[in-house]
């Protein structure tokens, strides 16, 4: 049954990436008051602004990915009765 989880996981991960982008935009707007985060090649921003934006984006992406992956695994377990990950009993 765990083989069925792979295609589901790809779909969930794609949705998670879209969600992470949306969450980052909202967080950045709250933190900085700006609508757009600085891009690395944009000369208007200092290196520290660019690095701070990248750090926030990475933290948000990691947290959203973990939450989405965990929720997907829990949903799969609820539907199939089998945990899709390595639960140490193999």
C-alpha atoms as a PDB file:
ATOM      1  CA  UNK A   1       0.000   0.000   0.000  1.00  0.00           C
ATOM      2  CA  UNK A   2       2.907   2.378   0.595  1.00  0.00           C
ATOM      3  CA  UNK A   3       3.545   2.452  -3.179  1.00  0.00           C
ATOM      4  CA  UNK A   4       0.234   4.290  -3.589  1.00  0.00           C
ATOM      5  CA  UNK A   5       1.517   7.046  -1.347  1.00  0.00           C
ATOM      6  CA  UNK A   6       4.201   8.186  -3.839  1.00  0.00           C
ATOM      7  CA  UNK A   7       1.854   9.792  -6.413  1.00  0.00           C
ATOM      8  CA  UNK A   8      -0.254  11.276  -3.620  1.00  0.00           C
ATOM      9  CA  UNK A   9       2.882  12.670  -2.005  1.00  0.00           C
ATOM     10  CA  UNK A  10       3.883  14.427  -5.241  1.00  0.00           C
ATOM     11  CA  UNK A  11       0.509  16.138  -5.467  1.00  0.00           C
ATOM     12  CA  UNK A  12       0.564  17.122  -1.813  1.00  0.00           C
ATOM     13  CA  UNK A  13       4.122  18.475  -2.136  1.00  0.00           C
ATOM     14  CA  UNK A  14       3.170  20.601  -5.127  1.00  0.00           C
ATOM     15  CA  UNK A  15       0.250  22.051  -3.211  1.00  0.00           C
ATOM     16  CA  UNK A  16       2.551  22.615  -0.251  1.00  0.00           C
ATOM     17  CA  UNK A  17       4.995  24.586  -2.389  1.00  0.00           C
ATOM     18  CA  UNK A  18       2.195  26.847  -3.590  1.00  0.00           C
ATOM     19  CA  UNK A  19       0.978  27.273  -0.028  1.00  0.00           C
ATOM     20  CA  UNK A  20       4.505  28.069   1.189  1.00  0.00           C
ATOM     21  CA  UNK A  21       4.816  30.843  -1.399  1.00  0.00           C
ATOM     22  CA  UNK A  22       1.533  32.375  -0.307  1.00  0.00           C
ATOM     23  CA  UNK A  23       2.427  32.131   3.386  1.00  0.00           C
ATOM     24  CA  UNK A  24       5.857  33.696   2.753  1.00  0.00           C
ATOM     25  CA  UNK A  25       4.308  36.648   0.922  1.00  0.00           C
ATOM     26  CA  UNK A  26       1.964  37.286   3.854  1.00  0.00           C
ATOM     27  CA  UNK A  27       4.730  36.904   6.442  1.00  0.00           C
ATOM     28  CA  UNK A  28       7.051  39.183   4.479  1.00  0.00           C
ATOM     29  CA  UNK A  29       4.317  41.811   4.185  1.00  0.00           C
ATOM     30  CA  UNK A  30       3.744  41.672   7.966  1.00  0.00           C
ATOM     31  CA  UNK A  31       7.443  41.755   8.843  1.00  0.00           C
ATOM     32  CA  UNK A  32       8.659  44.358   6.371  1.00  0.00           C
ATOM     33  CA  UNK A  33       5.587  46.299   5.296  1.00  0.00           C
ATOM     34  CA  UNK A  34       6.659  45.713   1.681  1.00  0.00           C
ATOM     35  CA  UNK A  35       4.607  43.868  -0.923  1.00  0.00           C
ATOM     36  CA  UNK A  36       7.610  42.161  -2.525  1.00  0.00           C
ATOM     37  CA  UNK A  37      10.661  40.568  -0.977  1.00  0.00           C
ATOM     38  CA  UNK A  38      14.044  41.695  -2.285  1.00  0.00           C
ATOM     39  CA  UNK A  39      15.526  39.582  -5.047  1.00  0.00           C
ATOM     40  CA  UNK A  40      19.246  38.758  -4.961  1.00  0.00           C
ATOM     41  CA  UNK A  41      20.030  40.635  -8.190  1.00  0.00           C
ATOM     42  CA  UNK A  42      18.069  43.786  -7.305  1.00  0.00           C
ATOM     43  CA  UNK A  43      20.608  46.550  -6.554  1.00  0.00           C
ATOM     44  CA  UNK A  44      18.113  48.600  -4.540  1.00  0.00           C
ATOM     45  CA  UNK A  45      18.463  46.264  -1.565  1.00  0.00           C
ATOM     46  CA  UNK A  46      21.438  45.638   0.682  1.00  0.00           C
ATOM     47  CA  UNK A  47      22.994  42.205   1.041  1.00  0.00           C
ATOM     48  CA  UNK A  48      21.480  41.955   4.529  1.00  0.00           C
ATOM     49  CA  UNK A  49      17.959  42.619   3.260  1.00  0.00           C
ATOM     50  CA  UNK A  50      18.386  39.966   0.578  1.00  0.00           C
ATOM     51  CA  UNK A  51      19.811  37.443   3.045  1.00  0.00           C
ATOM     52  CA  UNK A  52      17.089  38.173   5.620  1.00  0.00           C
ATOM     53  CA  UNK A  53      14.394  37.651   2.991  1.00  0.00           C
ATOM     54  CA  UNK A  54      15.984  34.358   1.913  1.00  0.00           C
ATOM     55  CA  UNK A  55      16.240  33.185   5.530  1.00  0.00           C
ATOM     56  CA  UNK A  56      12.585  33.966   6.229  1.00  0.00           C
ATOM     57  CA  UNK A  57      11.556  32.304   2.974  1.00  0.00           C
ATOM     58  CA  UNK A  58      13.576  29.179   3.811  1.00  0.00           C
ATOM     59  CA  UNK A  59      12.124  28.954   7.312  1.00  0.00           C
ATOM     60  CA  UNK A  60       8.566  29.360   6.055  1.00  0.00           C
ATOM     61  CA  UNK A  61       9.093  26.837   3.240  1.00  0.00           C
ATOM     62  CA  UNK A  62      10.580  24.278   5.636  1.00  0.00           C
ATOM     63  CA  UNK A  63       7.801  24.666   8.179  1.00  0.00           C
ATOM     64  CA  UNK A  64       5.024  24.493   5.578  1.00  0.00           C
ATOM     65  CA  UNK A  65       6.634  21.474   3.905  1.00  0.00           C
ATOM     66  CA  UNK A  66       6.897  19.619   7.221  1.00  0.00           C
ATOM     67  CA  UNK A  67       3.288  20.436   8.119  1.00  0.00           C
ATOM     68  CA  UNK A  68       1.942  19.435   4.696  1.00  0.00           C
ATOM     69  CA  UNK A  69       3.992  16.213   4.555  1.00  0.00           C
ATOM     70  CA  UNK A  70       2.879  15.239   8.035  1.00  0.00           C
ATOM     71  CA  UNK A  71      -0.772  16.013   7.322  1.00  0.00           C
ATOM     72  CA  UNK A  72      -0.588  14.010   4.082  1.00  0.00           C
ATOM     73  CA  UNK A  73       0.921  11.032   5.882  1.00  0.00           C
ATOM     74  CA  UNK A  74      -1.705  11.222   8.625  1.00  0.00           C
ATOM     75  CA  UNK A  75      -4.491  11.405   6.039  1.00  0.00           C
ATOM     76  CA  UNK A  76      -3.043   8.423   4.192  1.00  0.00           C
ATOM     77  CA  UNK A  77      -2.863   6.452   7.438  1.00  0.00           C
ATOM     78  CA  UNK A  78      -6.458   7.340   8.254  1.00  0.00           C
ATOM     79  CA  UNK A  79      -7.616   6.211   4.788  1.00  0.00           C
ATOM     80  CA  UNK A  80      -5.522   3.028   4.533  1.00  0.00           C
ATOM     81  CA  UNK A  81      -4.590   2.073   8.074  1.00  0.00           C
ATOM     82  CA  UNK A  82      -0.902   2.102   7.106  1.00  0.00           C
ATOM     83  CA  UNK A  83       1.689   4.772   7.895  1.00  0.00           C
ATOM     84  CA  UNK A  84       3.553   5.649   4.672  1.00  0.00           C
ATOM     85  CA  UNK A  85       6.892   6.492   6.267  1.00  0.00           C
ATOM     86  CA  UNK A  86       9.554   4.536   8.063  1.00  0.00           C
ATOM     87  CA  UNK A  87       8.066   3.825  11.478  1.00  0.00           C
ATOM     88  CA  UNK A  88      10.909   1.601  12.649  1.00  0.00           C
ATOM     89  CA  UNK A  89       9.079  -1.728  12.564  1.00  0.00           C
ATOM     90  CA  UNK A  90      10.554  -3.040   9.315  1.00  0.00           C
END
